[in-house]
N, C-alpha and C. Protein backbone atom coordinates (compact mmCIF):
# COMPACT_ATOMS: atom_id res chain seq x y z
N MET A 1 0.80 -1.36 -0.10
CA MET A 1 -0.18 -0.05 -0.21
C MET A 1 1.04 1.64 -0.05
N SER A 2 0.42 2.15 -1.07
CA SER A 2 1.48 3.60 -0.93
C SER A 2 1.24 4.38 -0.20
N LYS A 3 2.43 4.97 0.02
CA LYS A 3 1.93 6.32 1.72
C LYS A 3 1.38 7.15 1.05
N LEU A 4 0.43 8.00 1.17
CA LEU A 4 -0.64 8.80 0.01
C LEU A 4 -0.85 10.31 1.29
N VAL A 5 -0.79 10.94 0.93
CA VAL A 5 -0.93 12.11 2.05
C VAL A 5 -2.47 13.15 1.50
N TRP A 6 -3.44 13.77 2.08
CA TRP A 6 -4.39 14.95 1.21
C TRP A 6 -3.78 15.79 1.85
N VAL A 7 -3.55 17.18 0.93
CA VAL A 7 -3.50 18.20 1.68
C VAL A 7 -4.42 19.28 1.36
N ILE A 8 -4.51 20.52 1.99
CA ILE A 8 -6.01 21.15 1.65
C ILE A 8 -5.11 22.56 1.99
N ARG A 9 -5.25 22.97 0.86
CA ARG A 9 -5.46 24.52 0.59
C ARG A 9 -3.67 25.00 0.17
N ILE A 10 -2.92 24.00 -0.12
CA ILE A 10 -1.80 24.63 0.05
C ILE A 10 -1.75 24.14 -1.35
N TYR A 11 -0.30 24.59 -1.98
CA TYR A 11 0.48 24.85 -3.53
C TYR A 11 1.26 23.88 -4.11
N LYS A 12 1.25 23.39 -4.60
CA LYS A 12 2.44 22.01 -5.27
C LYS A 12 3.71 22.50 -4.63
N ASP A 13 4.30 23.76 -3.58
CA ASP A 13 5.56 23.15 -3.38
C ASP A 13 5.66 22.66 -2.00
N LYS A 14 4.53 23.47 -1.24
CA LYS A 14 4.40 23.11 -0.01
C LYS A 14 4.10 21.54 0.18
N ALA A 15 3.00 21.17 -0.80
CA ALA A 15 2.92 19.54 -0.88
C ALA A 15 3.94 18.85 -0.82
N ALA A 16 5.13 19.34 -1.81
CA ALA A 16 5.95 18.75 -1.94
C ALA A 16 7.47 17.96 -0.65
N ALA A 17 6.59 19.22 0.68
CA ALA A 17 7.33 18.84 1.71
C ALA A 17 6.79 17.40 2.14
N HIS A 18 5.98 16.90 2.15
CA HIS A 18 5.29 15.51 2.35
C HIS A 18 6.03 14.55 1.52
N LEU A 19 6.43 14.52 0.71
CA LEU A 19 6.76 13.55 -0.28
C LEU A 19 8.22 13.50 0.54
N LYS A 20 9.52 14.38 0.92
CA LYS A 20 10.66 14.82 1.47
C LYS A 20 10.50 13.54 2.72
N VAL A 21 9.37 14.07 3.35
CA VAL A 21 8.95 12.82 4.97
C VAL A 21 8.46 11.75 4.75
N GLY A 22 8.48 11.21 2.93
CA GLY A 22 8.22 9.97 3.02
C GLY A 22 6.82 9.39 2.12
N ALA A 23 5.79 10.57 2.09
CA ALA A 23 4.98 10.06 1.36
C ALA A 23 5.22 9.56 0.04
N GLU A 24 4.72 8.94 -0.47
CA GLU A 24 4.92 8.58 -2.00
C GLU A 24 3.78 9.70 -2.99
N LYS A 25 2.45 9.92 -2.32
CA LYS A 25 1.58 11.14 -3.55
C LYS A 25 1.33 12.06 -2.68
N ALA A 26 1.02 12.90 -2.67
CA ALA A 26 0.19 14.27 -2.42
C ALA A 26 -1.12 14.58 -3.18
N ILE A 27 -2.66 15.07 -2.69
CA ILE A 27 -3.78 15.02 -3.20
C ILE A 27 -3.73 15.91 -2.61
N ILE A 28 -3.49 17.62 -3.49
CA ILE A 28 -4.18 18.55 -2.83
C ILE A 28 -5.68 18.55 -3.04
N SER A 29 -6.97 19.31 -1.94
CA SER A 29 -8.30 18.89 -2.09
C SER A 29 -9.00 19.78 -2.10
N ALA A 30 -7.82 20.94 -3.00
CA ALA A 30 -8.72 22.15 -3.85
C ALA A 30 -8.36 23.07 -4.99
N PRO A 31 -8.69 23.80 -5.46
CA PRO A 31 -8.25 24.20 -6.81
C PRO A 31 -6.34 24.72 -6.55
N ASN A 32 -5.82 24.50 -7.87
CA ASN A 32 -4.71 25.23 -7.85
C ASN A 32 -4.44 24.92 -8.92
N LYS A 33 -3.26 26.17 -8.81
CA LYS A 33 -2.37 26.55 -10.02
C LYS A 33 -1.44 25.65 -10.31
N ASP A 34 -0.14 24.99 -9.28
CA ASP A 34 0.65 24.62 -9.96
C ASP A 34 0.61 23.03 -9.94
N ALA A 35 -0.70 22.21 -9.44
CA ALA A 35 -0.45 20.98 -9.96
C ALA A 35 -1.62 20.31 -10.93
N PRO A 36 -1.31 19.18 -11.37
CA PRO A 36 -2.39 18.93 -12.16
C PRO A 36 -4.00 18.54 -11.56
N ILE A 37 -4.71 18.98 -12.07
CA ILE A 37 -6.41 18.55 -11.72
C ILE A 37 -6.78 17.10 -12.59
N PHE A 38 -7.24 16.70 -11.15
CA PHE A 38 -7.82 15.35 -12.34
C PHE A 38 -9.40 15.23 -11.39
N VAL A 39 -10.30 15.57 -12.21
CA VAL A 39 -11.56 14.94 -11.87
C VAL A 39 -12.01 13.30 -11.83
N ALA A 40 -12.46 12.98 -11.46
CA ALA A 40 -13.38 11.38 -11.80
C ALA A 40 -13.92 11.37 -12.56
N GLY A 41 -14.30 10.56 -14.03
CA GLY A 41 -15.51 10.96 -14.55
C GLY A 41 -14.88 11.68 -15.61
N VAL A 42 -14.06 12.90 -15.67
CA VAL A 42 -14.08 13.61 -16.41
C VAL A 42 -12.51 13.06 -16.85
N ASN A 43 -11.74 13.46 -16.88
CA ASN A 43 -10.00 13.11 -17.27
C ASN A 43 -9.23 11.97 -16.53
N GLU A 44 -9.89 11.39 -15.38
CA GLU A 44 -8.86 10.40 -14.90
C GLU A 44 -7.74 9.95 -15.37
N LYS A 45 -8.55 9.03 -16.42
CA LYS A 45 -7.23 8.01 -17.41
C LYS A 45 -6.40 9.44 -18.05
N GLU A 46 -6.09 10.73 -17.59
CA GLU A 46 -5.19 11.59 -18.26
C GLU A 46 -3.41 10.73 -16.93
N TYR A 47 -4.11 10.79 -16.10
CA TYR A 47 -2.80 10.75 -14.65
C TYR A 47 -1.90 9.56 -15.04
N LYS A 48 -0.66 10.17 -15.11
CA LYS A 48 0.45 8.80 -15.13
C LYS A 48 1.09 8.59 -14.06
N PRO A 49 1.33 7.03 -13.76
CA PRO A 49 2.01 7.02 -12.41
C PRO A 49 3.11 8.00 -11.66
N ASP A 50 4.05 8.21 -12.88
CA ASP A 50 5.51 9.41 -12.34
C ASP A 50 4.89 10.61 -11.50
N ILE A 51 3.47 11.06 -11.79
CA ILE A 51 2.73 12.30 -11.30
C ILE A 51 2.72 12.20 -9.76
N ASP A 52 3.45 12.69 -8.88
CA ASP A 52 3.37 12.73 -7.46
C ASP A 52 2.22 13.44 -6.83
N ILE A 53 1.88 14.88 -7.29
CA ILE A 53 1.22 15.96 -6.95
C ILE A 53 0.33 15.83 -7.45
N VAL A 54 -1.04 15.84 -7.33
CA VAL A 54 -2.12 16.27 -8.17
C VAL A 54 -2.98 16.86 -7.46
N SER A 55 -4.30 17.82 -7.82
CA SER A 55 -5.32 18.24 -7.13
C SER A 55 -6.41 17.76 -7.96
N ASN A 56 -7.13 18.00 -6.70
CA ASN A 56 -8.83 17.14 -7.10
C ASN A 56 -9.63 18.43 -7.44
N ALA A 57 -9.44 19.46 -7.39
CA ALA A 57 -10.21 20.26 -7.77
C ALA A 57 -11.05 20.57 -6.43
N SER A 58 -11.79 21.17 -6.68
CA SER A 58 -12.80 21.62 -5.39
C SER A 58 -14.26 20.48 -5.22
N CYS A 59 -14.88 20.88 -4.19
CA CYS A 59 -15.86 20.17 -4.19
C CYS A 59 -17.30 20.42 -5.17
N ILE A 60 -17.33 22.17 -6.04
CA ILE A 60 -18.11 22.62 -6.10
C ILE A 60 -17.82 21.80 -7.86
N THR A 61 -16.97 21.79 -8.47
CA THR A 61 -16.00 21.16 -9.43
C THR A 61 -17.19 19.78 -9.60
N ASN A 62 -16.10 19.03 -8.68
CA ASN A 62 -16.39 18.00 -8.62
C ASN A 62 -17.70 17.30 -8.55
N CYS A 63 -19.29 18.66 -8.20
CA CYS A 63 -20.94 17.92 -8.06
C CYS A 63 -20.74 18.31 -9.50
N LEU A 64 -20.59 19.38 -10.28
CA LEU A 64 -20.84 19.64 -11.05
C LEU A 64 -20.06 19.43 -12.76
N VAL A 65 -18.88 19.36 -12.83
CA VAL A 65 -17.86 18.85 -13.98
C VAL A 65 -19.17 16.90 -14.27
N PRO A 66 -18.75 16.06 -13.25
CA PRO A 66 -19.11 14.66 -14.48
C PRO A 66 -20.53 15.19 -14.88
N LEU A 67 -21.66 15.96 -14.47
CA LEU A 67 -22.95 15.89 -14.63
C LEU A 67 -22.41 16.65 -16.03
N ALA A 68 -21.95 17.84 -16.12
CA ALA A 68 -21.59 19.03 -17.45
C ALA A 68 -21.14 17.66 -18.42
N LYS A 69 -20.06 16.87 -17.98
CA LYS A 69 -19.55 16.21 -18.93
C LYS A 69 -20.43 15.39 -19.75
N VAL A 70 -21.34 14.68 -19.17
CA VAL A 70 -22.10 14.01 -20.18
C VAL A 70 -23.62 14.62 -20.48
N ILE A 71 -23.46 15.48 -20.05
CA ILE A 71 -24.76 16.20 -20.99
C ILE A 71 -23.86 16.91 -22.38
N ASN A 72 -23.00 17.49 -22.20
CA ASN A 72 -21.78 17.92 -23.12
C ASN A 72 -22.09 16.87 -24.42
N ASP A 73 -21.44 15.86 -23.93
CA ASP A 73 -21.16 15.00 -24.84
C ASP A 73 -22.51 14.07 -25.75
N ARG A 74 -23.34 14.18 -24.80
CA ARG A 74 -24.94 13.41 -25.72
C ARG A 74 -25.50 14.79 -25.97
N SER A 75 -25.67 16.17 -26.05
CA SER A 75 -26.30 17.33 -26.10
C SER A 75 -25.73 18.40 -26.62
N GLY A 76 -24.47 18.15 -25.87
CA GLY A 76 -23.92 19.91 -26.24
C GLY A 76 -24.19 20.99 -25.09
N ILE A 77 -23.41 21.59 -24.68
CA ILE A 77 -23.77 22.64 -23.63
C ILE A 77 -22.54 24.15 -24.32
N VAL A 78 -24.14 24.94 -24.83
CA VAL A 78 -23.62 25.81 -25.71
C VAL A 78 -23.39 27.06 -24.67
N GLU A 79 -24.32 27.29 -23.38
CA GLU A 79 -24.25 28.14 -22.38
C GLU A 79 -24.74 27.32 -21.29
N GLY A 80 -23.81 28.00 -19.91
CA GLY A 80 -24.20 27.91 -18.68
C GLY A 80 -24.00 28.88 -17.68
N LEU A 81 -25.15 28.47 -16.09
CA LEU A 81 -24.95 29.44 -15.20
C LEU A 81 -25.49 28.20 -13.89
N LEU A 82 -24.40 28.67 -13.22
CA LEU A 82 -23.93 27.41 -11.50
C LEU A 82 -23.89 28.72 -10.80
N THR A 83 -25.07 28.49 -9.85
CA THR A 83 -25.51 28.93 -8.70
C THR A 83 -24.96 28.44 -7.48
N THR A 84 -24.26 28.76 -6.22
CA THR A 84 -24.52 27.83 -5.65
C THR A 84 -24.09 28.09 -3.90
N ILE A 85 -24.66 27.25 -3.72
CA ILE A 85 -24.78 27.69 -1.61
C ILE A 85 -23.26 27.33 -1.31
N HIS A 86 -22.93 27.52 -0.29
CA HIS A 86 -21.86 27.29 0.34
C HIS A 86 -21.81 27.15 1.77
N LEU A 87 -21.60 26.20 2.71
CA LEU A 87 -21.21 26.85 3.87
C LEU A 87 -19.57 27.66 4.34
N ILE A 88 -19.93 28.08 5.39
CA ILE A 88 -18.27 28.97 5.48
C ILE A 88 -17.24 28.03 5.62
N THR A 89 -15.77 28.48 4.87
CA THR A 89 -15.65 27.31 5.09
C THR A 89 -14.37 28.09 6.29
N ALA A 90 -13.10 27.47 6.80
CA ALA A 90 -12.24 27.42 7.71
C ALA A 90 -11.78 29.21 7.77
N THR A 91 -11.07 29.03 6.67
CA THR A 91 -10.67 30.11 5.98
C THR A 91 -11.43 31.37 5.45
N GLN A 92 -12.64 31.54 6.03
CA GLN A 92 -13.54 32.51 5.40
C GLN A 92 -13.86 33.24 6.95
N LYS A 93 -14.27 35.18 6.54
CA LYS A 93 -14.77 34.94 7.75
C LYS A 93 -16.21 35.89 7.76
N THR A 94 -16.93 35.59 8.96
CA THR A 94 -18.16 35.36 9.11
C THR A 94 -18.96 37.03 9.15
N VAL A 95 -17.96 37.66 9.22
CA VAL A 95 -18.53 39.19 9.13
C VAL A 95 -17.81 39.72 7.85
N ASP A 96 -18.31 40.52 7.59
CA ASP A 96 -17.82 41.50 6.30
C ASP A 96 -16.93 42.67 7.40
N SER A 97 -15.18 42.71 6.94
CA SER A 97 -14.76 43.36 7.85
C SER A 97 -13.57 43.95 7.20
N LEU A 98 -12.69 44.65 7.84
CA LEU A 98 -11.22 45.15 7.10
C LEU A 98 -10.27 44.30 7.06
N ARG A 99 -9.48 44.20 5.95
CA ARG A 99 -8.89 43.04 6.06
C ARG A 99 -7.29 43.41 7.40
N ASP A 100 -7.23 42.38 7.61
CA ASP A 100 -5.59 42.12 8.70
C ASP A 100 -4.70 41.38 7.84
N GLU A 101 -4.02 42.35 7.43
CA GLU A 101 -2.95 42.68 6.47
C GLU A 101 -1.82 41.62 7.28
N ASN A 102 -2.10 41.14 8.55
CA ASN A 102 -1.54 40.31 9.20
C ASN A 102 -1.78 38.68 9.40
N ALA A 103 -2.45 38.37 8.89
CA ALA A 103 -3.69 37.11 9.05
C ALA A 103 -3.27 36.77 7.58
N GLN A 104 -3.00 35.38 7.83
CA GLN A 104 -2.67 34.29 6.65
C GLN A 104 -3.54 34.44 5.82
N HIS A 105 -4.51 34.50 6.14
CA HIS A 105 -6.04 34.08 5.26
C HIS A 105 -6.88 34.73 5.39
N ASN A 106 -7.46 35.43 4.24
CA ASN A 106 -8.39 36.76 4.34
C ASN A 106 -9.73 36.85 3.29
C-alpha cells in the first residue's frame, strides 16, 4: 500500500514537503495553479503514475463537472450558469470587515 497524504489549500511546493518526509503521493483537495487537476469521470485517465502531486479540484467542481460532461457529450452545452450556496469554510470571515494584513487568510 502506498503512502498517500491529502493536503488542504496549499500549493505544489508545500505539498512536496510531504514527499520529502515519506509520502509517495500527495492530493491537494482544492483548486490549484501548480498541480495537474483530475476529476473522476472526466479526465482521470490522463493521470500517469509518475505524477506525484495532483489536485482534486473543488467540491463544486466535483459535483458539477461530471454531470456537465455527460450532458455536453450527449447534447452539447452552449452556455451555462451555476449558482452555489456554500457553507463558510475555515479560512473565511463570518462578518464583512477590513482585511488584517497580518492574517494568513483573509
